[in-house]
Amino acid sequence: MKTFKDVNEYISSQPKEIQKILKQFRTTIKKAAPLAEEAISYGMPSYKYNGVLAYFGAFKNHIGFYAMPTGHAHFKKELSVYKVGKGSVQFPIDKPMPIALITKMIKFRLKENMEKAKAKKTTK
């Protein structure tokens, strides 16, 4: 697996048409969670705020989106039209990306992480 120093390097390593989609993901996530920390984790872009929000990665025929099992379970109905795993979904690159759904998933994960962080503080 190639190691990337940052998300810019990851995106620029992809074919031009894929770069456009990845930039769309990045912008969508940053807009939904402006304070999230961006990094490379597991060889792909990751976003964290009080814990992991999501990861995404480019593959031959799809963009993998990983909003953790809870994020995927919460949006099970909306994700049912895609190939899904416990904490992953494959968005085909030959179809428009579901930006509104990605935004909702990030906001859900953000809220979830903030509630967990708040609960941790109150138990200390």
PDB file of N, CA and C in Angstrom:
ATOM      1  N   MET A   1       0.841  -1.188   0.000  1.00  0.00           N
ATOM      2  CA  MET A   1       0.000   0.000   0.000  1.00  0.00           C
ATOM      3  C   MET A   1       0.887   1.252   0.000  1.00  0.00           C
ATOM      4  N   LYS A   2       0.578   2.181  -0.882  1.00  0.00           N
ATOM      5  CA  LYS A   2       1.335   3.428  -0.951  1.00  0.00           C
ATOM      6  C   LYS A   2       0.970   4.295   0.250  1.00  0.00           C
ATOM      7  N   THR A   3       1.954   4.981   0.774  1.00  0.00           N
ATOM      8  CA  THR A   3       1.701   5.895   1.881  1.00  0.00           C
ATOM      9  C   THR A   3       1.616   7.318   1.340  1.00  0.00           C
ATOM     10  N   PHE A   4       0.623   8.039   1.786  1.00  0.00           N
ATOM     11  CA  PHE A   4       0.418   9.422   1.360  1.00  0.00           C
ATOM     12  C   PHE A   4       0.655  10.329   2.545  1.00  0.00           C
ATOM     13  N   LYS A   5       1.303  11.486   2.285  1.00  0.00           N
ATOM     14  CA  LYS A   5       1.578  12.398   3.402  1.00  0.00           C
ATOM     15  C   LYS A   5       0.337  13.203   3.803  1.00  0.00           C
ATOM     16  N   ASP A   6      -0.566  13.443   2.852  1.00  0.00           N
ATOM     17  CA  ASP A   6      -1.791  14.178   3.162  1.00  0.00           C
ATOM     18  C   ASP A   6      -2.864  13.913   2.112  1.00  0.00           C
ATOM     19  N   VAL A   7      -4.021  14.501   2.323  1.00  0.00           N
ATOM     20  CA  VAL A   7      -5.164  14.263   1.442  1.00  0.00           C
ATOM     21  C   VAL A   7      -4.902  14.827   0.043  1.00  0.00           C
ATOM     22  N   ASN A   8      -4.209  15.962  -0.036  1.00  0.00           N
ATOM     23  CA  ASN A   8      -3.876  16.517  -1.359  1.00  0.00           C
ATOM     24  C   ASN A   8      -3.083  15.509  -2.184  1.00  0.00           C
ATOM     25  N   GLU A   9      -2.104  14.897  -1.565  1.00  0.00           N
ATOM     26  CA  GLU A   9      -1.269  13.916  -2.264  1.00  0.00           C
ATOM     27  C   GLU A   9      -2.104  12.698  -2.677  1.00  0.00           C
ATOM     28  N   TYR A  10      -2.991  12.272  -1.788  1.00  0.00           N
ATOM     29  CA  TYR A  10      -3.868  11.135  -2.099  1.00  0.00           C
ATOM     30  C   TYR A  10      -4.712  11.450  -3.338  1.00  0.00           C
ATOM     31  N   ILE A  11      -5.373  12.587  -3.309  1.00  0.00           N
ATOM     32  CA  ILE A  11      -6.253  12.965  -4.419  1.00  0.00           C
ATOM     33  C   ILE A  11      -5.468  13.114  -5.720  1.00  0.00           C
ATOM     34  N   SER A  12      -4.322  13.784  -5.669  1.00  0.00           N
ATOM     35  CA  SER A  12      -3.551  14.013  -6.891  1.00  0.00           C
ATOM     36  C   SER A  12      -2.936  12.731  -7.458  1.00  0.00           C
ATOM     37  N   SER A  13      -2.910  11.657  -6.666  1.00  0.00           N
ATOM     38  CA  SER A  13      -2.366  10.385  -7.155  1.00  0.00           C
ATOM     39  C   SER A  13      -3.383   9.615  -8.002  1.00  0.00           C
ATOM     40  N   GLN A  14      -4.617  10.081  -8.011  1.00  0.00           N
ATOM     41  CA  GLN A  14      -5.702   9.395  -8.718  1.00  0.00           C
ATOM     42  C   GLN A  14      -5.872   9.951 -10.138  1.00  0.00           C
ATOM     43  N   PRO A  15      -6.523   9.183 -11.024  1.00  0.00           N
ATOM     44  CA  PRO A  15      -6.810   9.697 -12.370  1.00  0.00           C
ATOM     45  C   PRO A  15      -7.672  10.971 -12.289  1.00  0.00           C
ATOM     46  N   LYS A  16      -7.515  11.854 -13.284  1.00  0.00           N
ATOM     47  CA  LYS A  16      -8.213  13.152 -13.292  1.00  0.00           C
ATOM     48  C   LYS A  16      -9.707  13.069 -12.999  1.00  0.00           C
ATOM     49  N   GLU A  17     -10.424  12.140 -13.658  1.00  0.00           N
ATOM     50  CA  GLU A  17     -11.876  12.063 -13.455  1.00  0.00           C
ATOM     51  C   GLU A  17     -12.227  11.629 -12.034  1.00  0.00           C
ATOM     52  N   ILE A  18     -11.357  10.837 -11.412  1.00  0.00           N
ATOM     53  CA  ILE A  18     -11.573  10.402 -10.021  1.00  0.00           C
ATOM     54  C   ILE A  18     -11.230  11.545  -9.063  1.00  0.00           C
ATOM     55  N   GLN A  19     -10.208  12.315  -9.389  1.00  0.00           N
ATOM     56  CA  GLN A  19      -9.827  13.465  -8.549  1.00  0.00           C
ATOM     57  C   GLN A  19     -11.015  14.389  -8.336  1.00  0.00           C
ATOM     58  N   LYS A  20     -11.776  14.605  -9.393  1.00  0.00           N
ATOM     59  CA  LYS A  20     -12.942  15.489  -9.332  1.00  0.00           C
ATOM     60  C   LYS A  20     -13.952  14.970  -8.299  1.00  0.00           C
ATOM     61  N   ILE A  21     -14.201  13.671  -8.321  1.00  0.00           N
ATOM     62  CA  ILE A  21     -15.144  13.051  -7.378  1.00  0.00           C
ATOM     63  C   ILE A  21     -14.599  13.138  -5.949  1.00  0.00           C
ATOM     64  N   LEU A  22     -13.309  12.840  -5.782  1.00  0.00           N
ATOM     65  CA  LEU A  22     -12.700  12.882  -4.443  1.00  0.00           C
ATOM     66  C   LEU A  22     -12.727  14.297  -3.866  1.00  0.00           C
ATOM     67  N   LYS A  23     -12.494  15.285  -4.729  1.00  0.00           N
ATOM     68  CA  LYS A  23     -12.558  16.683  -4.267  1.00  0.00           C
ATOM     69  C   LYS A  23     -13.973  17.023  -3.819  1.00  0.00           C
ATOM     70  N   GLN A  24     -14.961  16.468  -4.511  1.00  0.00           N
ATOM     71  CA  GLN A  24     -16.360  16.673  -4.154  1.00  0.00           C
ATOM     72  C   GLN A  24     -16.642  16.074  -2.758  1.00  0.00           C
ATOM     73  N   PHE A  25     -16.121  14.883  -2.505  1.00  0.00           N
ATOM     74  CA  PHE A  25     -16.268  14.250  -1.187  1.00  0.00           C
ATOM     75  C   PHE A  25     -15.629  15.127  -0.118  1.00  0.00           C
ATOM     76  N   ARG A  26     -14.415  15.541  -0.376  1.00  0.00           N
ATOM     77  CA  ARG A  26     -13.666  16.348   0.588  1.00  0.00           C
ATOM     78  C   ARG A  26     -14.414  17.631   0.929  1.00  0.00           C
ATOM     79  N   THR A  27     -14.866  18.343  -0.082  1.00  0.00           N
ATOM     80  CA  THR A  27     -15.602  19.593   0.114  1.00  0.00           C
ATOM     81  C   THR A  27     -16.881  19.347   0.901  1.00  0.00           C
ATOM     82  N   THR A  28     -17.590  18.291   0.555  1.00  0.00           N
ATOM     83  CA  THR A  28     -18.846  17.946   1.230  1.00  0.00           C
ATOM     84  C   THR A  28     -18.604  17.683   2.714  1.00  0.00           C
ATOM     85  N   ILE A  29     -17.582  16.902   3.015  1.00  0.00           N
ATOM     86  CA  ILE A  29     -17.279  16.563   4.417  1.00  0.00           C
ATOM     87  C   ILE A  29     -16.842  17.806   5.183  1.00  0.00           C
ATOM     88  N   LYS A  30     -15.977  18.617   4.580  1.00  0.00           N
ATOM     89  CA  LYS A  30     -15.487  19.817   5.264  1.00  0.00           C
ATOM     90  C   LYS A  30     -16.606  20.825   5.512  1.00  0.00           C
ATOM     91  N   LYS A  31     -17.567  20.869   4.596  1.00  0.00           N
ATOM     92  CA  LYS A  31     -18.708  21.771   4.755  1.00  0.00           C
ATOM     93  C   LYS A  31     -19.613  21.281   5.888  1.00  0.00           C
ATOM     94  N   ALA A  32     -19.823  19.967   5.965  1.00  0.00           N
ATOM     95  CA  ALA A  32     -20.684  19.375   6.998  1.00  0.00           C
ATOM     96  C   ALA A  32     -20.025  19.379   8.376  1.00  0.00           C
ATOM     97  N   ALA A  33     -18.699  19.282   8.403  1.00  0.00           N
ATOM     98  CA  ALA A  33     -17.955  19.237   9.671  1.00  0.00           C
ATOM     99  C   ALA A  33     -16.716  20.120   9.558  1.00  0.00           C
ATOM    100  N   PRO A  34     -16.908  21.453   9.566  1.00  0.00           N
ATOM    101  CA  PRO A  34     -15.782  22.371   9.333  1.00  0.00           C
ATOM    102  C   PRO A  34     -14.622  22.260  10.327  1.00  0.00           C
ATOM    103  N   LEU A  35     -14.887  21.755  11.526  1.00  0.00           N
ATOM    104  CA  LEU A  35     -13.819  21.656  12.528  1.00  0.00           C
ATOM    105  C   LEU A  35     -13.121  20.295  12.524  1.00  0.00           C
ATOM    106  N   ALA A  36     -13.564  19.410  11.642  1.00  0.00           N
ATOM    107  CA  ALA A  36     -12.973  18.064  11.594  1.00  0.00           C
ATOM    108  C   ALA A  36     -11.514  18.133  11.169  1.00  0.00           C
ATOM    109  N   GLU A  37     -10.741  17.254  11.763  1.00  0.00           N
ATOM    110  CA  GLU A  37      -9.314  17.137  11.446  1.00  0.00           C
ATOM    111  C   GLU A  37      -9.168  16.167  10.273  1.00  0.00           C
ATOM    112  N   GLU A  38      -8.445  16.620   9.267  1.00  0.00           N
ATOM    113  CA  GLU A  38      -8.243  15.815   8.071  1.00  0.00           C
ATOM    114  C   GLU A  38      -6.882  15.128   8.155  1.00  0.00           C
ATOM    115  N   ALA A  39      -6.842  13.850   7.810  1.00  0.00           N
ATOM    116  CA  ALA A  39      -5.591  13.096   7.863  1.00  0.00           C
ATOM    117  C   ALA A  39      -5.671  11.917   6.892  1.00  0.00           C
ATOM    118  N   ILE A  40      -4.569  11.194   6.816  1.00  0.00           N
ATOM    119  CA  ILE A  40      -4.558   9.937   6.074  1.00  0.00           C
ATOM    120  C   ILE A  40      -4.508   8.835   7.123  1.00  0.00           C
ATOM    121  N   SER A  41      -5.449   7.915   7.040  1.00  0.00           N
ATOM    122  CA  SER A  41      -5.503   6.796   7.971  1.00  0.00           C
ATOM    123  C   SER A  41      -5.922   5.571   7.175  1.00  0.00           C
ATOM    124  N   TYR A  42      -5.297   4.449   7.434  1.00  0.00           N
ATOM    125  CA  TYR A  42      -5.546   3.235   6.641  1.00  0.00           C
ATOM    126  C   TYR A  42      -5.320   3.492   5.143  1.00  0.00           C
ATOM    127  N   GLY A  43      -4.413   4.413   4.835  1.00  0.00           N
ATOM    128  CA  GLY A  43      -4.062   4.703   3.448  1.00  0.00           C
ATOM    129  C   GLY A  43      -5.075   5.533   2.685  1.00  0.00           C
ATOM    130  N   MET A  44      -6.038   6.123   3.390  1.00  0.00           N
ATOM    131  CA  MET A  44      -7.041   6.937   2.695  1.00  0.00           C
ATOM    132  C   MET A  44      -7.425   8.160   3.533  1.00  0.00           C
ATOM    133  N   PRO A  45      -8.102   9.146   2.908  1.00  0.00           N
ATOM    134  CA  PRO A  45      -8.514  10.333   3.658  1.00  0.00           C
ATOM    135  C   PRO A  45      -9.453   9.968   4.814  1.00  0.00           C
ATOM    136  N   SER A  46      -9.186  10.583   5.951  1.00  0.00           N
ATOM    137  CA  SER A  46     -10.034  10.359   7.123  1.00  0.00           C
ATOM    138  C   SER A  46     -10.349  11.703   7.764  1.00  0.00           C
ATOM    139  N   TYR A  47     -11.471  11.729   8.448  1.00  0.00           N
ATOM    140  CA  TYR A  47     -11.933  12.954   9.098  1.00  0.00           C
ATOM    141  C   TYR A  47     -12.328  12.611  10.513  1.00  0.00           C
ATOM    142  N   LYS A  48     -11.786  13.400  11.452  1.00  0.00           N
ATOM    143  CA  LYS A  48     -12.021  13.122  12.863  1.00  0.00           C
ATOM    144  C   LYS A  48     -12.466  14.373  13.596  1.00  0.00           C
ATOM    145  N   TYR A  49     -13.394  14.172  14.500  1.00  0.00           N
ATOM    146  CA  TYR A  49     -13.810  15.214  15.426  1.00  0.00           C
ATOM    147  C   TYR A  49     -14.395  14.482  16.617  1.00  0.00           C
ATOM    148  N   ASN A  50     -13.708  14.540  17.743  1.00  0.00           N
ATOM    149  CA  ASN A  50     -14.091  13.746  18.920  1.00  0.00           C
ATOM    150  C   ASN A  50     -14.192  12.266  18.540  1.00  0.00           C
ATOM    151  N   GLY A  51     -13.288  11.826  17.701  1.00  0.00           N
ATOM    152  CA  GLY A  51     -13.304  10.452  17.202  1.00  0.00           C
ATOM    153  C   GLY A  51     -13.496  10.462  15.691  1.00  0.00           C
ATOM    154  N   VAL A  52     -13.460   9.310  15.098  1.00  0.00           N
ATOM    155  CA  VAL A  52     -13.573   9.193  13.641  1.00  0.00           C
ATOM    156  C   VAL A  52     -14.982   9.551  13.175  1.00  0.00           C
ATOM    157  N   LEU A  53     -15.051  10.373  12.127  1.00  0.00           N
ATOM    158  CA  LEU A  53     -16.334  10.663  11.483  1.00  0.00           C
ATOM    159  C   LEU A  53     -16.504   9.725  10.295  1.00  0.00           C
ATOM    160  N   ALA A  54     -15.499   9.725   9.408  1.00  0.00           N
ATOM    161  CA  ALA A  54     -15.591   8.899   8.202  1.00  0.00           C
ATOM    162  C   ALA A  54     -14.259   8.849   7.469  1.00  0.00           C
ATOM    163  N   TYR A  55     -14.177   7.888   6.563  1.00  0.00           N
ATOM    164  CA  TYR A  55     -13.059   7.737   5.638  1.00  0.00           C
ATOM    165  C   TYR A  55     -13.660   7.625   4.240  1.00  0.00           C
ATOM    166  N   PHE A  56     -12.858   7.904   3.227  1.00  0.00           N
ATOM    167  CA  PHE A  56     -13.276   7.576   1.872  1.00  0.00           C
ATOM    168  C   PHE A  56     -12.061   7.185   1.058  1.00  0.00           C
ATOM    169  N   GLY A  57     -12.282   6.399   0.023  1.00  0.00           N
ATOM    170  CA  GLY A  57     -11.168   5.949  -0.798  1.00  0.00           C
ATOM    171  C   GLY A  57     -11.608   5.607  -2.208  1.00  0.00           C
ATOM    172  N   ALA A  58     -10.688   5.794  -3.151  1.00  0.00           N
ATOM    173  CA  ALA A  58     -10.970   5.505  -4.556  1.00  0.00           C
ATOM    174  C   ALA A  58     -10.588   4.068  -4.888  1.00  0.00           C
ATOM    175  N   PHE A  59     -11.469   3.410  -5.605  1.00  0.00           N
ATOM    176  CA  PHE A  59     -11.230   2.061  -6.095  1.00  0.00           C
ATOM    177  C   PHE A  59     -11.514   2.050  -7.588  1.00  0.00           C
ATOM    178  N   LYS A  60     -11.273   0.935  -8.234  1.00  0.00           N
ATOM    179  CA  LYS A  60     -11.404   0.874  -9.688  1.00  0.00           C
ATOM    180  C   LYS A  60     -12.778   1.329 -10.188  1.00  0.00           C
ATOM    181  N   ASN A  61     -13.847   0.830  -9.593  1.00  0.00           N
ATOM    182  CA  ASN A  61     -15.198   1.133 -10.082  1.00  0.00           C
ATOM    183  C   ASN A  61     -16.094   1.882  -9.100  1.00  0.00           C
ATOM    184  N   HIS A  62     -15.545   2.226  -7.945  1.00  0.00           N
ATOM    185  CA  HIS A  62     -16.376   2.898  -6.952  1.00  0.00           C
ATOM    186  C   HIS A  62     -15.550   3.754  -6.000  1.00  0.00           C
ATOM    187  N   ILE A  63     -16.261   4.573  -5.252  1.00  0.00           N
ATOM    188  CA  ILE A  63     -15.657   5.310  -4.134  1.00  0.00           C
ATOM    189  C   ILE A  63     -16.184   4.624  -2.880  1.00  0.00           C
ATOM    190  N   GLY A  64     -15.275   4.156  -2.052  1.00  0.00           N
ATOM    191  CA  GLY A  64     -15.670   3.550  -0.788  1.00  0.00           C
ATOM    192  C   GLY A  64     -15.875   4.648   0.240  1.00  0.00           C
ATOM    193  N   PHE A  65     -16.963   4.575   0.962  1.00  0.00           N
ATOM    194  CA  PHE A  65     -17.257   5.560   2.001  1.00  0.00           C
ATOM    195  C   PHE A  65     -17.515   4.800   3.283  1.00  0.00           C
ATOM    196  N   TYR A  66     -16.819   5.199   4.329  1.00  0.00           N
ATOM    197  CA  TYR A  66     -16.842   4.472   5.598  1.00  0.00           C
ATOM    198  C   TYR A  66     -17.236   5.435   6.716  1.00  0.00           C
ATOM    199  N   ALA A  67     -18.520   5.453   7.064  1.00  0.00           N
ATOM    200  CA  ALA A  67     -19.011   6.335   8.124  1.00  0.00           C
ATOM    201  C   ALA A  67     -19.299   5.530   9.389  1.00  0.00           C
ATOM    202  N   MET A  68     -18.518   4.489   9.595  1.00  0.00           N
ATOM    203  CA  MET A  68     -18.603   3.634  10.761  1.00  0.00           C
ATOM    204  C   MET A  68     -19.936   2.863  10.779  1.00  0.00           C
ATOM    205  N   PRO A  69     -19.961   1.716  11.438  1.00  0.00           N
ATOM    206  CA  PRO A  69     -21.188   0.906  11.443  1.00  0.00           C
ATOM    207  C   PRO A  69     -22.444   1.654  11.896  1.00  0.00           C
ATOM    208  N   THR A  70     -22.326   2.525  12.896  1.00  0.00           N
ATOM    209  CA  THR A  70     -23.518   3.244  13.380  1.00  0.00           C
ATOM    210  C   THR A  70     -24.067   4.193  12.319  1.00  0.00           C
ATOM    211  N   GLY A  71     -23.172   4.859  11.605  1.00  0.00           N
ATOM    212  CA  GLY A  71     -23.604   5.773  10.541  1.00  0.00           C
ATOM    213  C   GLY A  71     -24.308   5.031   9.427  1.00  0.00           C
ATOM    214  N   HIS A  72     -23.806   3.857   9.106  1.00  0.00           N
ATOM    215  CA  HIS A  72     -24.414   3.061   8.041  1.00  0.00           C
ATOM    216  C   HIS A  72     -25.738   2.445   8.495  1.00  0.00           C
ATOM    217  N   ALA A  73     -25.799   2.017   9.734  1.00  0.00           N
ATOM    218  CA  ALA A  73     -27.038   1.423  10.256  1.00  0.00           C
ATOM    219  C   ALA A  73     -28.159   2.459  10.268  1.00  0.00           C
ATOM    220  N   HIS A  74     -27.823   3.682  10.658  1.00  0.00           N
ATOM    221  CA  HIS A  74     -28.811   4.751  10.742  1.00  0.00           C
ATOM    222  C   HIS A  74     -29.399   5.101   9.367  1.00  0.00           C
ATOM    223  N   PHE A  75     -28.613   4.972   8.321  1.00  0.00           N
ATOM    224  CA  PHE A  75     -29.046   5.330   6.965  1.00  0.00           C
ATOM    225  C   PHE A  75     -29.253   4.094   6.083  1.00  0.00           C
ATOM    226  N   LYS A  76     -29.570   2.987   6.732  1.00  0.00           N
ATOM    227  CA  LYS A  76     -29.711   1.705   6.029  1.00  0.00           C
ATOM    228  C   LYS A  76     -30.667   1.789   4.832  1.00  0.00           C
ATOM    229  N   LYS A  77     -31.799   2.439   5.025  1.00  0.00           N
ATOM    230  CA  LYS A  77     -32.798   2.533   3.959  1.00  0.00           C
ATOM    231  C   LYS A  77     -32.233   3.296   2.747  1.00  0.00           C
ATOM    232  N   GLU A  78     -31.646   4.483   2.997  1.00  0.00           N
ATOM    233  CA  GLU A  78     -31.096   5.300   1.914  1.00  0.00           C
ATOM    234  C   GLU A  78     -29.938   4.595   1.203  1.00  0.00           C
ATOM    235  N   LEU A  79     -29.193   3.789   1.953  1.00  0.00           N
ATOM    236  CA  LEU A  79     -28.022   3.104   1.392  1.00  0.00           C
ATOM    237  C   LEU A  79     -28.380   1.792   0.695  1.00  0.00           C
ATOM    238  N   SER A  80     -29.621   1.358   0.825  1.00  0.00           N
ATOM    239  CA  SER A  80     -30.022   0.043   0.309  1.00  0.00           C
ATOM    240  C   SER A  80     -29.857  -0.104  -1.211  1.00  0.00           C
ATOM    241  N   VAL A  81     -29.763   0.994  -1.929  1.00  0.00           N
ATOM    242  CA  VAL A  81     -29.587   0.929  -3.389  1.00  0.00           C
ATOM    243  C   VAL A  81     -28.122   0.745  -3.789  1.00  0.00           C
ATOM    244  N   TYR A  82     -27.230   0.729  -2.794  1.00  0.00           N
ATOM    245  CA  TYR A  82     -25.787   0.576  -3.041  1.00  0.00           C
ATOM    246  C   TYR A  82     -25.286  -0.743  -2.458  1.00  0.00           C
ATOM    247  N   LYS A  83     -24.099  -1.132  -2.870  1.00  0.00           N
ATOM    248  CA  LYS A  83     -23.439  -2.295  -2.279  1.00  0.00           C
ATOM    249  C   LYS A  83     -22.887  -1.832  -0.932  1.00  0.00           C
ATOM    250  N   VAL A  84     -23.311  -2.504   0.141  1.00  0.00           N
ATOM    251  CA  VAL A  84     -22.905  -2.082   1.482  1.00  0.00           C
ATOM    252  C   VAL A  84     -22.310  -3.228   2.285  1.00  0.00           C
ATOM    253  N   GLY A  85     -21.487  -2.845   3.257  1.00  0.00           N
ATOM    254  CA  GLY A  85     -20.953  -3.762   4.252  1.00  0.00           C
ATOM    255  C   GLY A  85     -21.381  -3.210   5.603  1.00  0.00           C
ATOM    256  N   LYS A  86     -20.877  -3.768   6.678  1.00  0.00           N
ATOM    257  CA  LYS A  86     -21.266  -3.332   8.026  1.00  0.00           C
ATOM    258  C   LYS A  86     -20.994  -1.829   8.231  1.00  0.00           C
ATOM    259  N   GLY A  87     -19.851  -1.377   7.809  1.00  0.00           N
ATOM    260  CA  GLY A  87     -19.496   0.037   7.996  1.00  0.00           C
ATOM    261  C   GLY A  87     -19.003   0.673   6.721  1.00  0.00           C
ATOM    262  N   SER A  88     -19.438   0.140   5.583  1.00  0.00           N
ATOM    263  CA  SER A  88     -18.954   0.665   4.310  1.00  0.00           C
ATOM    264  C   SER A  88     -20.057   0.690   3.262  1.00  0.00           C
ATOM    265  N   VAL A  89     -19.867   1.551   2.288  1.00  0.00           N
ATOM    266  CA  VAL A  89     -20.774   1.607   1.148  1.00  0.00           C
ATOM    267  C   VAL A  89     -19.935   1.911  -0.088  1.00  0.00           C
ATOM    268  N   GLN A  90     -20.348   1.357  -1.207  1.00  0.00           N
ATOM    269  CA  GLN A  90     -19.659   1.598  -2.473  1.00  0.00           C
ATOM    270  C   GLN A  90     -20.548   2.458  -3.361  1.00  0.00           C
ATOM    271  N   PHE A  91     -20.054   3.659  -3.678  1.00  0.00           N
ATOM    272  CA  PHE A  91     -20.757   4.538  -4.596  1.00  0.00           C
ATOM    273  C   PHE A  91     -20.107   4.367  -5.970  1.00  0.00           C
ATOM    274  N   PRO A  92     -20.845   3.835  -6.961  1.00  0.00           N
ATOM    275  CA  PRO A  92     -20.271   3.612  -8.296  1.00  0.00           C
ATOM    276  C   PRO A  92     -19.785   4.921  -8.919  1.00  0.00           C
ATOM    277  N   ILE A  93     -18.591   4.900  -9.510  1.00  0.00           N
ATOM    278  CA  ILE A  93     -18.029   6.136 -10.074  1.00  0.00           C
ATOM    279  C   ILE A  93     -18.734   6.580 -11.352  1.00  0.00           C
ATOM    280  N   ASP A  94     -19.510   5.699 -11.954  1.00  0.00           N
ATOM    281  CA  ASP A  94     -20.220   6.088 -13.174  1.00  0.00           C
ATOM    282  C   ASP A  94     -21.608   6.671 -12.895  1.00  0.00           C
ATOM    283  N   LYS A  95     -21.908   6.927 -11.615  1.00  0.00           N
ATOM    284  CA  LYS A  95     -23.191   7.525 -11.226  1.00  0.00           C
ATOM    285  C   LYS A  95     -22.893   8.774 -10.385  1.00  0.00           C
ATOM    286  N   PRO A  96     -23.836   9.734 -10.365  1.00  0.00           N
ATOM    287  CA  PRO A  96     -23.614  10.929  -9.519  1.00  0.00           C
ATOM    288  C   PRO A  96     -23.485  10.532  -8.045  1.00  0.00           C
ATOM    289  N   MET A  97     -22.608  11.203  -7.351  1.00  0.00           N
ATOM    290  CA  MET A  97     -22.421  10.921  -5.927  1.00  0.00           C
ATOM    291  C   MET A  97     -23.600  11.509  -5.141  1.00  0.00           C
ATOM    292  N   PRO A  98     -24.090  10.775  -4.128  1.00  0.00           N
ATOM    293  CA  PRO A  98     -25.232  11.250  -3.334  1.00  0.00           C
ATOM    294  C   PRO A  98     -24.783  12.270  -2.270  1.00  0.00           C
ATOM    295  N   ILE A  99     -24.472  13.465  -2.720  1.00  0.00           N
ATOM    296  CA  ILE A  99     -23.899  14.497  -1.843  1.00  0.00           C
ATOM    297  C   ILE A  99     -24.793  14.800  -0.630  1.00  0.00           C
ATOM    298  N   ALA A 100     -26.096  14.910  -0.850  1.00  0.00           N
ATOM    299  CA  ALA A 100     -27.007  15.208   0.274  1.00  0.00           C
ATOM    300  C   ALA A 100     -26.954  14.099   1.319  1.00  0.00           C
ATOM    301  N   LEU A 101     -26.889  12.850   0.879  1.00  0.00           N
ATOM    302  CA  LEU A 101     -26.818  11.715   1.802  1.00  0.00           C
ATOM    303  C   LEU A 101     -25.480  11.716   2.553  1.00  0.00           C
ATOM    304  N   ILE A 102     -24.402  11.974   1.847  1.00  0.00           N
ATOM    305  CA  ILE A 102     -23.071  12.025   2.488  1.00  0.00           C
ATOM    306  C   ILE A 102     -23.076  13.118   3.560  1.00  0.00           C
ATOM    307  N   THR A 103     -23.645  14.269   3.231  1.00  0.00           N
ATOM    308  CA  THR A 103     -23.742  15.379   4.192  1.00  0.00           C
ATOM    309  C   THR A 103     -24.510  14.945   5.433  1.00  0.00           C
ATOM    310  N   LYS A 104     -25.669  14.308   5.230  1.00  0.00           N
ATOM    311  CA  LYS A 104     -26.479  13.842   6.369  1.00  0.00           C
ATOM    312  C   LYS A 104     -25.712  12.831   7.217  1.00  0.00           C
ATOM    313  N   MET A 105     -24.981  11.938   6.557  1.00  0.00           N
ATOM    314  CA  MET A 105     -24.221  10.923   7.302  1.00  0.00           C
ATOM    315  C   MET A 105     -23.111  11.558   8.135  1.00  0.00           C
ATOM    316  N   ILE A 106     -22.423  12.531   7.571  1.00  0.00           N
ATOM    317  CA  ILE A 106     -21.345  13.208   8.320  1.00  0.00           C
ATOM    318  C   ILE A 106     -21.940  13.970   9.500  1.00  0.00           C
ATOM    319  N   LYS A 107     -23.034  14.669   9.277  1.00  0.00           N
ATOM    320  CA  LYS A 107     -23.664  15.418  10.379  1.00  0.00           C
ATOM    321  C   LYS A 107     -24.154  14.478  11.473  1.00  0.00           C
ATOM    322  N   PHE A 108     -24.676  13.319  11.072  1.00  0.00           N
ATOM    323  CA  PHE A 108     -25.103  12.315  12.049  1.00  0.00           C
ATOM    324  C   PHE A 108     -23.909  11.838  12.872  1.00  0.00           C
ATOM    325  N   ARG A 109     -22.802  11.513  12.207  1.00  0.00           N
ATOM    326  CA  ARG A 109     -21.609  11.031  12.906  1.00  0.00           C
ATOM    327  C   ARG A 109     -21.037  12.117  13.815  1.00  0.00           C
ATOM    328  N   LEU A 110     -21.070  13.344  13.379  1.00  0.00           N
ATOM    329  CA  LEU A 110     -20.580  14.477  14.165  1.00  0.00           C
ATOM    330  C   LEU A 110     -21.394  14.598  15.454  1.00  0.00           C
ATOM    331  N   LYS A 111     -22.709  14.549  15.310  1.00  0.00           N
ATOM    332  CA  LYS A 111     -23.609  14.629  16.466  1.00  0.00           C
ATOM    333  C   LYS A 111     -23.349  13.452  17.413  1.00  0.00           C
ATOM    334  N   GLU A 112     -23.216  12.272  16.835  1.00  0.00           N
ATOM    335  CA  GLU A 112     -22.962  11.067  17.625  1.00  0.00           C
ATOM    336  C   GLU A 112     -21.658  11.202  18.430  1.00  0.00           C
ATOM    337  N   ASN A 113     -20.594  11.651  17.761  1.00  0.00           N
ATOM    338  CA  ASN A 113     -19.297  11.808  18.446  1.00  0.00           C
ATOM    339  C   ASN A 113     -19.350  12.887  19.519  1.00  0.00           C
ATOM    340  N   MET A 114     -20.075  13.968  19.248  1.00  0.00           N
ATOM    341  CA  MET A 114     -20.173  15.040  20.240  1.00  0.00           C
ATOM    342  C   MET A 114     -20.955  14.570  21.461  1.00  0.00           C
ATOM    343  N   GLU A 115     -22.009  13.766  21.242  1.00  0.00           N
ATOM    344  CA  GLU A 115     -22.781  13.232  22.372  1.00  0.00           C
ATOM    345  C   GLU A 115     -21.935  12.272  23.211  1.00  0.00           C
ATOM    346  N   LYS A 116     -21.116  11.444  22.521  1.00  0.00           N
ATOM    347  CA  LYS A 116     -20.224  10.518  23.254  1.00  0.00           C
ATOM    348  C   LYS A 116     -19.205  11.287  24.082  1.00  0.00           C
ATOM    349  N   ALA A 117     -18.634  12.330  23.488  1.00  0.00           N
ATOM    350  CA  ALA A 117     -17.631  13.131  24.190  1.00  0.00           C
ATOM    351  C   ALA A 117     -18.250  13.823  25.403  1.00  0.00           C
ATOM    352  N   LYS A 118     -19.459  14.320  25.217  1.00  0.00           N
ATOM    353  CA  LYS A 118     -20.173  14.993  26.320  1.00  0.00           C
ATOM    354  C   LYS A 118     -20.466  13.994  27.442  1.00  0.00           C
ATOM    355  N   ALA A 119     -20.897  12.808  27.094  1.00  0.00           N
ATOM    356  CA  ALA A 119     -21.201  11.763  28.078  1.00  0.00           C
ATOM    357  C   ALA A 119     -19.951  11.366  28.848  1.00  0.00           C
ATOM    358  N   LYS A 120     -18.818  11.304  28.158  1.00  0.00           N
ATOM    359  CA  LYS A 120     -17.544  10.969  28.818  1.00  0.00           C
ATOM    360  C   LYS A 120     -17.183  12.008  29.862  1.00  0.00           C
ATOM    361  N   LYS A 121     -17.376  13.289  29.513  1.00  0.00           N
ATOM    362  CA  LYS A 121     -17.056  14.384  30.438  1.00  0.00           C
ATOM    363  C   LYS A 121     -17.927  14.325  31.685  1.00  0.00           C
ATOM    364  N   THR A 122     -19.199  14.000  31.525  1.00  0.00           N
ATOM    365  CA  THR A 122     -20.102  13.986  32.670  1.00  0.00           C
ATOM    366  C   THR A 122     -19.880  12.792  33.585  1.00  0.00           C
ATOM    367  N   THR A 123     -19.253  11.720  33.056  1.00  0.00           N
ATOM    368  CA  THR A 123     -18.992  10.565  33.912  1.00  0.00           C
ATOM    369  C   THR A 123     -17.674  10.662  34.666  1.00  0.00           C
ATOM    370  N   LYS A 124     -16.883  11.676  34.348  1.00  0.00           N
ATOM    371  CA  LYS A 124     -15.584  11.828  35.031  1.00  0.00           C
ATOM    372  C   LYS A 124     -15.722  12.618  36.304  1.00  0.00           C
TER     373      LYS A 124
END
